[in-house]
């Protein structure tokens, strides 16, 4: 390999990693727009949670077919890309299969990569069939039109092409090794590509080199494109699933967080020993608003949740509100939160800081009808393979409507009025509360 190839590869490497780092910084900045929340406690429990759910895929296999296929693709993505390290070294220094010095272990590695590549290819094809031929309902909700639908397909096609290129590259290499071609030292085991190799056996050495080099360049180039495509894709969960499960809420499902300012007021009112004329500390910091109306009102974990969502639809598939035809889709809640966050980030990129655009997450993206349809059952939280919590966003949006705009539905307003007047949610006085026992 001449130095021009080495230089070209170095430029490709710098551009690919440079764009990835630049986009990663944008994501981190956008997540940091969220409010602070302490999720750095219980480190041992959090680490176990991450290993079990993100690495061990424990929640994925609750749907066995999709879970097993996902594990194959996930393992293939991680293990096969060990080979990328060898490609980078070969590309920079002009070597070929530099790790072949590992001897028999290298043959084991390449053989394993090839078997995994075939399994990944088969799994991706099955995923495509499930999505496009069988048309499993959760992939065809109304929010899964246009870009969300196409994004899922683009990733499947990407993986098909990358795995095919890997096997074609090895098949050409296998033939070149058999011909004792210069630079192609005998190395590796090719349990899959050796069956592709006969299709290329009648080609000249020069043609084989062209095929091998072309597949090599397209393979590594495709990996860099895929790496940077993640920023624009729902498949960012490949990277964020680990921190997302680590920083997930470890409290019992159904336990809601209390607003500190409200809690202090209630404690003051309910403490019989408190000074009746006492008032909260006037120097105590008050929240800018109660609840959330835009992404900056959410905490940073909720914003990371939005970026981590892979739009698999498991949450929406088990949502009782969605099943009964209501507007709510927990998946759509996360997608809309991410869309708004991206819009805010683009605003900052353009202006150097956020300039009010007369939009907000509530109403412009997520309608009140959606969030009031939620039964707070936590089914979506339980179903999510990476511990995303759509309910927490719904609750914060509700709090804003109730506490800032007094915009609760009529039925809820009646219930709160009854509690205030009667000490119970029903429309009769406290003296009649036990009449039911006499019937």
Protein backbone atom coordinates (compact mmCIF):
# COMPACT_ATOMS: atom_id res chain seq x y z
CA UNK A 1 0.00 0.00 0.00
CA UNK A 2 1.41 3.39 -0.92
CA UNK A 3 1.55 6.44 1.29
CA UNK A 4 -1.32 8.13 -0.54
CA UNK A 5 -3.66 5.41 0.73
CA UNK A 6 -2.32 5.84 4.28
CA UNK A 7 -2.83 9.61 4.13
CA UNK A 8 -6.32 9.23 2.66
CA UNK A 9 -7.25 6.82 5.43
CA UNK A 10 -5.86 9.14 8.12
CA UNK A 11 -7.97 12.00 6.71
CA UNK A 12 -11.07 9.76 6.69
CA UNK A 13 -10.36 8.72 10.28
CA UNK A 14 -9.91 12.30 11.48
CA UNK A 15 -13.06 13.53 9.71
CA UNK A 16 -15.15 10.60 10.94
CA UNK A 17 -14.11 10.85 14.57
CA UNK A 18 -14.07 14.66 14.46
CA UNK A 19 -17.72 14.89 13.38
CA UNK A 20 -18.68 12.28 15.96
CA UNK A 21 -17.01 14.22 18.79
CA UNK A 22 -18.61 17.47 17.61
CA UNK A 23 -22.09 15.96 17.54
CA UNK A 24 -21.54 14.19 20.87
CA UNK A 25 -20.76 17.55 22.48
CA UNK A 26 -24.05 18.92 21.16
CA UNK A 27 -25.96 16.04 22.72
CA UNK A 28 -24.21 16.51 26.08
CA UNK A 29 -24.92 20.25 25.95
CA UNK A 30 -28.60 19.67 25.17
CA UNK A 31 -28.97 17.16 27.98
CA UNK A 32 -27.37 19.64 30.38
CA UNK A 33 -30.14 22.13 29.56
CA UNK A 34 -32.25 20.09 31.96
CA UNK A 35 -32.56 20.84 35.65
CA UNK A 36 -30.27 19.20 38.18
CA UNK A 37 -31.30 15.97 39.85
CA UNK A 38 -29.24 13.76 42.13
CA UNK A 39 -28.80 10.35 40.53
CA UNK A 40 -25.30 9.68 41.84
CA UNK A 41 -26.38 7.76 44.94
CA UNK A 42 -26.46 3.96 45.36
CA UNK A 43 -23.60 3.44 42.91
CA UNK A 44 -23.40 -0.33 43.45
CA UNK A 45 -27.09 -0.83 42.77
CA UNK A 46 -26.93 1.44 39.74
CA UNK A 47 -23.94 -0.43 38.33
CA UNK A 48 -25.73 -3.76 38.75
CA UNK A 49 -28.79 -2.28 37.07
CA UNK A 50 -26.69 -1.18 34.10
CA UNK A 51 -24.98 -4.57 33.75
CA UNK A 52 -28.26 -6.46 33.98
CA UNK A 53 -30.40 -4.32 31.69
CA UNK A 54 -28.06 -2.56 29.24
CA UNK A 55 -25.37 -5.23 28.92
CA UNK A 56 -27.38 -8.32 29.84
CA UNK A 57 -30.48 -7.29 27.83
CA UNK A 58 -32.67 -8.73 30.60
CA UNK A 59 -35.78 -6.73 29.65
CA UNK A 60 -35.38 -7.34 25.92
CA UNK A 61 -35.94 -11.09 26.21
CA UNK A 62 -39.37 -10.63 27.76
CA UNK A 63 -40.42 -10.72 24.11
CA UNK A 64 -38.31 -13.78 23.18
CA UNK A 65 -38.24 -13.53 19.37
CA UNK A 66 -37.32 -9.87 19.19
CA UNK A 67 -35.11 -10.21 22.27
CA UNK A 68 -32.97 -13.05 20.93
CA UNK A 69 -32.62 -11.38 17.51
CA UNK A 70 -31.62 -8.13 19.20
CA UNK A 71 -28.99 -9.90 21.32
CA UNK A 72 -27.47 -11.41 18.16
CA UNK A 73 -27.33 -8.03 16.44
CA UNK A 74 -26.06 -6.34 19.60
CA UNK A 75 -23.32 -8.94 20.17
CA UNK A 76 -22.37 -8.84 16.51
CA UNK A 77 -22.14 -5.06 16.55
CA UNK A 78 -19.87 -5.09 19.61
CA UNK A 79 -17.68 -8.11 18.81
CA UNK A 80 -17.27 -7.70 15.05
CA UNK A 81 -16.19 -4.11 15.54
CA UNK A 82 -13.13 -5.35 17.42
CA UNK A 83 -11.96 -5.98 13.87
CA UNK A 84 -12.22 -2.21 13.26
CA UNK A 85 -9.14 -1.73 15.43
CA UNK A 86 -7.14 -3.95 13.06
CA UNK A 87 -8.52 -2.09 10.05
CA UNK A 88 -7.47 1.25 11.54
CA UNK A 89 -3.92 0.02 12.17
CA UNK A 90 -3.71 -1.49 8.68
CA UNK A 91 -5.08 1.70 7.15
CA UNK A 92 -2.65 3.99 8.95
CA UNK A 93 0.52 1.90 8.54
CA UNK A 94 -0.11 0.01 5.32
CA UNK A 95 -0.07 -3.42 6.96
CA UNK A 96 -2.51 -6.22 6.18
CA UNK A 97 -4.16 -8.26 8.93
CA UNK A 98 -1.66 -6.99 11.46
CA UNK A 99 -3.16 -9.13 14.25
CA UNK A 100 -2.36 -12.33 12.34
CA UNK A 101 0.69 -12.60 14.62
CA UNK A 102 -1.78 -14.02 17.16
CA UNK A 103 -1.75 -17.25 15.13
CA UNK A 104 -4.47 -19.73 16.05
CA UNK A 105 -6.32 -17.23 18.24
CA UNK A 106 -6.55 -14.90 15.25
CA UNK A 107 -8.14 -17.68 13.20
CA UNK A 108 -10.63 -18.20 16.03
CA UNK A 109 -11.45 -14.48 16.07
CA UNK A 110 -11.99 -14.15 12.32
CA UNK A 111 -14.03 -17.35 12.26
CA UNK A 112 -16.19 -16.07 15.12
CA UNK A 113 -16.62 -12.70 13.38
CA UNK A 114 -17.80 -14.42 10.21
CA UNK A 115 -20.34 -16.61 11.99
CA UNK A 116 -21.64 -13.58 13.86
CA UNK A 117 -21.80 -11.58 10.63
CA UNK A 118 -24.00 -14.24 9.06
CA UNK A 119 -26.23 -14.37 12.16
CA UNK A 120 -26.51 -10.57 12.19
CA UNK A 121 -27.39 -10.56 8.50
CA UNK A 122 -30.10 -13.17 9.06
CA UNK A 123 -31.45 -11.36 12.13
CA UNK A 124 -31.64 -8.03 10.32
CA UNK A 125 -33.53 -9.63 7.44
CA UNK A 126 -36.00 -11.12 9.94
CA UNK A 127 -36.39 -7.69 11.56
CA UNK A 128 -37.17 -6.25 8.13
CA UNK A 129 -39.76 -8.96 7.47
CA UNK A 130 -41.41 -8.35 10.87
CA UNK A 131 -41.59 -4.64 10.14
CA UNK A 132 -42.49 -4.55 6.44
CA UNK A 133 -44.16 -7.88 5.64
CA UNK A 134 -45.81 -9.00 8.89
CA UNK A 135 -46.37 -5.33 9.80
CA UNK A 136 -46.41 -5.85 13.56
CA UNK A 137 -48.86 -3.19 14.85
CA UNK A 138 -46.51 -1.37 17.23
CA UNK A 139 -44.30 -0.44 14.26
CA UNK A 140 -47.22 1.20 12.46
CA UNK A 141 -48.69 3.64 14.98
CA UNK A 142 -49.47 7.06 13.60
CA UNK A 143 -46.26 8.57 15.02
CA UNK A 144 -44.23 6.04 13.03
CA UNK A 145 -44.66 7.74 9.67
CA UNK A 146 -42.11 9.52 7.50
CA UNK A 147 -38.69 9.88 9.11
CA UNK A 148 -39.24 7.54 12.12
CA UNK A 149 -40.28 4.73 9.77
CA UNK A 150 -37.49 5.39 7.27
CA UNK A 151 -34.84 5.77 9.98
CA UNK A 152 -35.53 2.23 11.21
CA UNK A 153 -35.22 0.90 7.66
CA UNK A 154 -32.03 2.84 6.93
CA UNK A 155 -30.34 1.19 9.91
CA UNK A 156 -31.42 -2.28 8.77
CA UNK A 157 -30.07 -1.62 5.27
CA UNK A 158 -26.85 -0.22 6.73
CA UNK A 159 -26.28 -3.38 8.74
CA UNK A 160 -27.08 -5.62 5.78
CA UNK A 161 -24.53 -3.79 3.62
CA UNK A 162 -21.81 -3.70 6.30
CA UNK A 163 -22.07 -7.41 7.05
CA UNK A 164 -22.13 -8.27 3.32
CA UNK A 165 -19.07 -6.14 2.66
CA UNK A 166 -17.23 -7.83 5.50
CA UNK A 167 -17.90 -11.30 4.04
CA UNK A 168 -17.10 -10.23 0.45
CA UNK A 169 -13.83 -8.67 1.63
CA UNK A 170 -12.87 -11.91 3.37
CA UNK A 171 -13.90 -14.04 0.37
CA UNK A 172 -11.61 -12.05 -1.93
CA UNK A 173 -8.85 -12.19 0.68
CA UNK A 174 -9.28 -15.98 0.93
CA UNK A 175 -8.71 -16.34 -2.81
CA UNK A 176 -5.73 -13.97 -2.77
CA UNK A 177 -4.13 -15.97 0.03
CA UNK A 178 -4.61 -19.15 -2.02
CA UNK A 179 -2.83 -17.44 -4.94
CA UNK A 180 0.06 -16.36 -2.65
CA UNK A 181 -0.55 -12.79 -3.77
CA UNK A 182 1.97 -10.26 -2.54
CA UNK A 183 0.92 -8.56 0.72
CA UNK A 184 -1.83 -11.15 1.38
CA UNK A 185 -0.18 -13.45 3.88
CA UNK A 186 -2.01 -16.62 4.85
CA UNK A 187 -3.94 -15.79 8.01
CA UNK A 188 -7.39 -16.28 9.47
CA UNK A 189 -10.18 -18.80 9.27
CA UNK A 190 -13.09 -18.17 6.92
CA UNK A 191 -15.95 -20.60 7.75
CA UNK A 192 -18.54 -18.50 5.91
CA UNK A 193 -16.72 -16.53 3.22
CA UNK A 194 -14.98 -19.66 1.93
CA UNK A 195 -18.36 -20.62 0.47
CA UNK A 196 -18.57 -17.22 -1.26
CA UNK A 197 -14.99 -17.46 -2.53
CA UNK A 198 -15.77 -19.90 -5.41
CA UNK A 199 -17.95 -17.19 -6.97
CA UNK A 200 -14.76 -15.13 -7.37
CA UNK A 201 -12.34 -17.95 -8.19
CA UNK A 202 -12.25 -17.28 -11.95
CA UNK A 203 -11.18 -13.68 -11.51
CA UNK A 204 -7.62 -12.49 -11.99
CA UNK A 205 -5.40 -11.50 -9.11
CA UNK A 206 -5.76 -7.85 -10.04
CA UNK A 207 -9.57 -8.08 -10.06
CA UNK A 208 -9.55 -9.82 -6.69
CA UNK A 209 -7.37 -7.08 -5.22
CA UNK A 210 -9.76 -4.44 -6.58
CA UNK A 211 -12.75 -6.27 -5.01
CA UNK A 212 -10.97 -6.78 -1.69
CA UNK A 213 -9.76 -3.16 -1.49
CA UNK A 214 -13.12 -1.76 -2.57
CA UNK A 215 -14.97 -3.83 0.01
CA UNK A 216 -12.35 -2.85 2.63
CA UNK A 217 -12.76 0.88 1.96
CA UNK A 218 -16.55 0.73 1.75
CA UNK A 219 -16.70 -1.30 4.96
CA UNK A 220 -14.63 1.07 7.05
CA UNK A 221 -16.16 4.12 5.36
CA UNK A 222 -19.62 2.73 6.11
CA UNK A 223 -18.68 2.27 9.77
CA UNK A 224 -17.66 5.94 10.04
CA UNK A 225 -20.86 7.02 8.28
CA UNK A 226 -22.91 4.80 10.62
CA UNK A 227 -21.08 6.27 13.63
CA UNK A 228 -22.04 9.80 12.65
CA UNK A 229 -25.52 8.84 11.51
CA UNK A 230 -26.29 7.83 15.11
CA UNK A 231 -26.59 11.52 16.04
CA UNK A 232 -29.55 11.90 13.70
CA UNK A 233 -31.07 8.51 14.45
CA UNK A 234 -33.09 6.81 17.15
CA UNK A 235 -30.25 4.29 17.31
CA UNK A 236 -28.34 6.63 19.58
CA UNK A 237 -29.46 4.18 22.27
CA UNK A 238 -26.47 2.04 21.24
CA UNK A 239 -24.35 4.53 23.18
CA UNK A 240 -26.82 5.99 25.70
CA UNK A 241 -28.43 2.79 26.98
CA UNK A 242 -25.60 2.34 29.47
CA UNK A 243 -25.74 5.76 31.20
CA UNK A 244 -29.53 5.76 30.88
CA UNK A 245 -29.90 2.53 32.86
CA UNK A 246 -27.25 3.62 35.35
CA UNK A 247 -29.03 6.89 36.14
CA UNK A 248 -32.54 5.41 36.03
CA UNK A 249 -34.99 6.01 38.87
CA UNK A 250 -34.48 3.29 41.50
CA UNK A 251 -37.47 4.23 43.63
CA UNK A 252 -40.52 1.93 43.65
CA UNK A 253 -42.70 2.37 40.60
CA UNK A 254 -45.63 4.58 41.42
CA UNK A 255 -43.72 6.66 43.97
CA UNK A 256 -43.89 10.22 42.70
CA UNK A 257 -41.46 12.96 43.59
CA UNK A 258 -42.78 15.83 45.67
CA UNK A 259 -42.16 19.49 44.95
CA UNK A 260 -40.07 20.76 47.85
CA UNK A 261 -41.71 24.21 47.97
CA UNK A 262 -45.18 22.66 48.18
CA UNK A 263 -44.07 20.05 50.73
CA UNK A 264 -42.72 22.78 53.02
CA UNK A 265 -46.00 24.70 52.84
CA UNK A 266 -48.05 21.59 53.64
CA UNK A 267 -45.80 20.67 56.58
CA UNK A 268 -46.22 24.18 57.94
CA UNK A 269 -50.01 23.99 57.69
CA UNK A 270 -50.29 20.50 59.18
CA UNK A 271 -47.87 20.89 62.08
CA UNK A 272 -50.08 21.69 65.11
CA UNK A 273 -47.08 22.96 67.05
CA UNK A 274 -46.06 25.43 64.39
CA UNK A 275 -46.42 29.16 64.90
CA UNK A 276 -49.74 30.02 63.17
CA UNK A 277 -48.18 33.24 61.96
CA UNK A 278 -45.02 31.60 60.71
CA UNK A 279 -44.20 32.01 57.04
CA UNK A 280 -41.61 30.22 54.89
CA UNK A 281 -38.11 31.63 54.90
CA UNK A 282 -38.28 34.63 52.61
CA UNK A 283 -34.73 33.90 51.46
CA UNK A 284 -35.57 30.36 50.40
CA UNK A 285 -35.29 29.81 46.68
CA UNK A 286 -38.66 29.39 44.99
CA UNK A 287 -39.08 27.47 41.75
CA UNK A 288 -39.39 29.54 38.59
CA UNK A 289 -42.51 27.54 37.84
CA UNK A 290 -44.29 24.51 39.15
CA UNK A 291 -44.05 21.54 36.85
CA UNK A 292 -42.78 21.78 33.27
CA UNK A 293 -43.97 23.47 30.12
CA UNK A 294 -40.79 23.16 28.05
CA UNK A 295 -37.72 20.94 27.86
CA UNK A 296 -35.59 23.22 30.04
CA UNK A 297 -38.07 22.64 32.89
CA UNK A 298 -37.42 18.89 32.81
CA UNK A 299 -34.42 17.35 34.56
CA UNK A 300 -31.35 16.15 32.66
CA UNK A 301 -32.21 12.46 33.14
CA UNK A 302 -35.56 13.00 31.43
CA UNK A 303 -33.80 14.67 28.50
CA UNK A 304 -31.32 11.80 28.29
CA UNK A 305 -34.34 9.46 28.27
CA UNK A 306 -35.61 11.27 25.19
CA UNK A 307 -32.33 10.78 23.33
CA UNK A 308 -32.13 7.13 24.43
CA UNK A 309 -35.58 6.13 23.14
CA UNK A 310 -35.27 3.66 20.28
CA UNK A 311 -38.96 3.99 19.31
CA UNK A 312 -39.50 0.24 19.69
CA UNK A 313 -43.07 0.87 20.79
CA UNK A 314 -43.16 -1.60 23.67
CA UNK A 315 -44.38 1.19 25.95
CA UNK A 316 -47.24 2.17 23.65
CA UNK A 317 -48.17 -1.47 23.03
CA UNK A 318 -48.96 -1.96 26.74
CA UNK A 319 -50.45 1.48 27.43
CA UNK A 320 -54.11 1.00 28.44
CA UNK A 321 -55.00 4.50 27.27
CA UNK A 322 -53.55 3.89 23.81
CA UNK A 323 -55.09 0.43 23.57
CA UNK A 324 -58.54 1.92 24.19
CA UNK A 325 -58.10 4.46 21.41
CA UNK A 326 -57.08 7.56 23.36
CA UNK A 327 -54.52 10.04 22.04
CA UNK A 328 -51.75 9.09 24.44
CA UNK A 329 -48.70 7.22 23.14
CA UNK A 330 -45.77 7.07 25.59
CA UNK A 331 -43.41 6.56 22.63
CA UNK A 332 -44.74 9.75 21.03
CA UNK A 333 -44.17 11.62 24.31
CA UNK A 334 -40.47 10.72 24.17
CA UNK A 335 -40.20 11.42 20.43
CA UNK A 336 -41.82 14.85 20.78
CA UNK A 337 -39.60 15.69 23.76
CA UNK A 338 -36.52 14.82 21.69
CA UNK A 339 -37.82 16.82 18.70
CA UNK A 340 -38.36 19.88 20.86
CA UNK A 341 -34.96 19.47 22.51
CA UNK A 342 -33.31 19.26 19.09
CA UNK A 343 -35.17 22.41 18.03
CA UNK A 344 -33.94 24.25 21.13
CA UNK A 345 -30.39 23.02 20.44
CA UNK A 346 -30.55 24.25 16.83
CA UNK A 347 -31.75 27.61 18.14
CA UNK A 348 -28.69 27.82 20.40
CA UNK A 349 -26.37 26.78 17.54
CA UNK A 350 -27.79 29.56 15.37
CA UNK A 351 -27.91 32.38 17.91
CA UNK A 352 -25.20 31.47 20.43
CA UNK A 353 -27.90 31.28 23.10
CA UNK A 354 -31.55 30.37 23.21
CA UNK A 355 -33.79 33.03 21.72
CA UNK A 356 -37.47 32.74 22.58
CA UNK A 357 -39.26 31.17 19.62
CA UNK A 358 -42.78 31.40 21.05
CA UNK A 359 -42.97 27.63 21.28
CA UNK A 360 -42.90 25.15 24.11
CA UNK A 361 -43.12 21.43 24.61
CA UNK A 362 -46.60 21.64 26.12
CA UNK A 363 -49.33 22.43 23.60
CA UNK A 364 -46.99 22.98 20.61
CA UNK A 365 -45.69 19.39 20.74
CA UNK A 366 -47.63 17.52 23.41
CA UNK A 367 -51.32 18.24 23.76
CA UNK A 368 -53.14 18.38 27.10
CA UNK A 369 -55.48 15.67 25.81
CA UNK A 370 -52.54 13.28 25.60
CA UNK A 371 -51.23 13.73 29.12
CA UNK A 372 -54.66 13.65 30.80
CA UNK A 373 -55.37 10.32 29.09
CA UNK A 374 -52.57 8.73 31.16
CA UNK A 375 -53.71 6.48 34.03
CA UNK A 376 -50.30 6.67 35.78
CA UNK A 377 -50.17 2.87 35.78
CA UNK A 378 -46.41 2.69 35.01
CA UNK A 379 -46.93 -0.01 32.35
CA UNK A 380 -44.78 2.02 29.92
CA UNK A 381 -41.94 2.31 32.44
CA UNK A 382 -42.04 -1.41 33.18
CA UNK A 383 -42.04 -2.32 29.47
CA UNK A 384 -39.15 -0.14 28.35
CA UNK A 385 -36.01 -2.22 27.62
CA UNK A 386 -33.70 0.58 28.80
CA UNK A 387 -35.67 2.03 31.77
CA UNK A 388 -37.01 5.15 30.08
CA UNK A 389 -39.66 6.92 32.17
CA UNK A 390 -42.32 8.68 30.03
CA UNK A 391 -44.61 8.94 33.05
CA UNK A 392 -42.27 11.36 34.84
CA UNK A 393 -42.55 13.81 31.92
CA UNK A 394 -46.33 13.43 31.82
CA UNK A 395 -46.58 14.15 35.56
CA UNK A 396 -44.42 17.28 35.30
CA UNK A 397 -46.53 18.59 32.40
CA UNK A 398 -49.69 17.92 34.40
CA UNK A 399 -48.28 19.78 37.39
CA UNK A 400 -47.72 22.85 35.23
CA UNK A 401 -51.28 22.76 33.92
CA UNK A 402 -52.78 22.38 37.40
CA UNK A 403 -50.51 24.61 39.48
CA UNK A 404 -49.61 27.31 36.99
CA UNK A 405 -52.64 27.49 34.71
CA UNK A 406 -55.42 25.92 36.80
CA UNK A 407 -56.22 23.96 33.67
CA UNK A 408 -57.20 20.56 35.06
CA UNK A 409 -60.10 18.70 33.45
CA UNK A 410 -63.55 19.39 34.88
CA UNK A 411 -63.80 15.99 36.57
CA UNK A 412 -60.49 16.50 38.37
CA UNK A 413 -61.43 20.03 39.43
CA UNK A 414 -64.66 18.69 40.93
CA UNK A 415 -62.76 16.01 42.82
CA UNK A 416 -60.27 18.53 44.25
CA UNK A 417 -63.14 20.84 45.25
CA UNK A 418 -64.87 17.96 47.01
CA UNK A 419 -61.68 17.06 48.87
CA UNK A 420 -61.30 20.69 49.95
CA UNK A 421 -64.91 21.02 51.10
CA UNK A 422 -65.84 17.50 52.21
CA UNK A 423 -62.53 15.83 52.96
CA UNK A 424 -63.35 13.20 50.32
CA UNK A 425 -63.57 13.07 46.52
CA UNK A 426 -67.36 12.46 46.59
CA UNK A 427 -70.16 15.02 46.49
CA UNK A 428 -71.62 14.52 49.94
CA UNK A 429 -70.69 15.87 53.34
CA UNK A 430 -68.53 14.11 55.86
CA UNK A 431 -71.49 13.13 58.04
CA UNK A 432 -72.82 10.91 55.23
CA UNK A 433 -69.56 9.23 54.31
CA UNK A 434 -70.36 5.94 56.07
CA UNK A 435 -73.98 5.62 54.97
CA UNK A 436 -73.01 2.97 52.47
CA UNK A 437 -72.58 0.42 55.29
CA UNK A 438 -76.25 0.64 56.23
CA UNK A 439 -77.48 -0.31 52.75
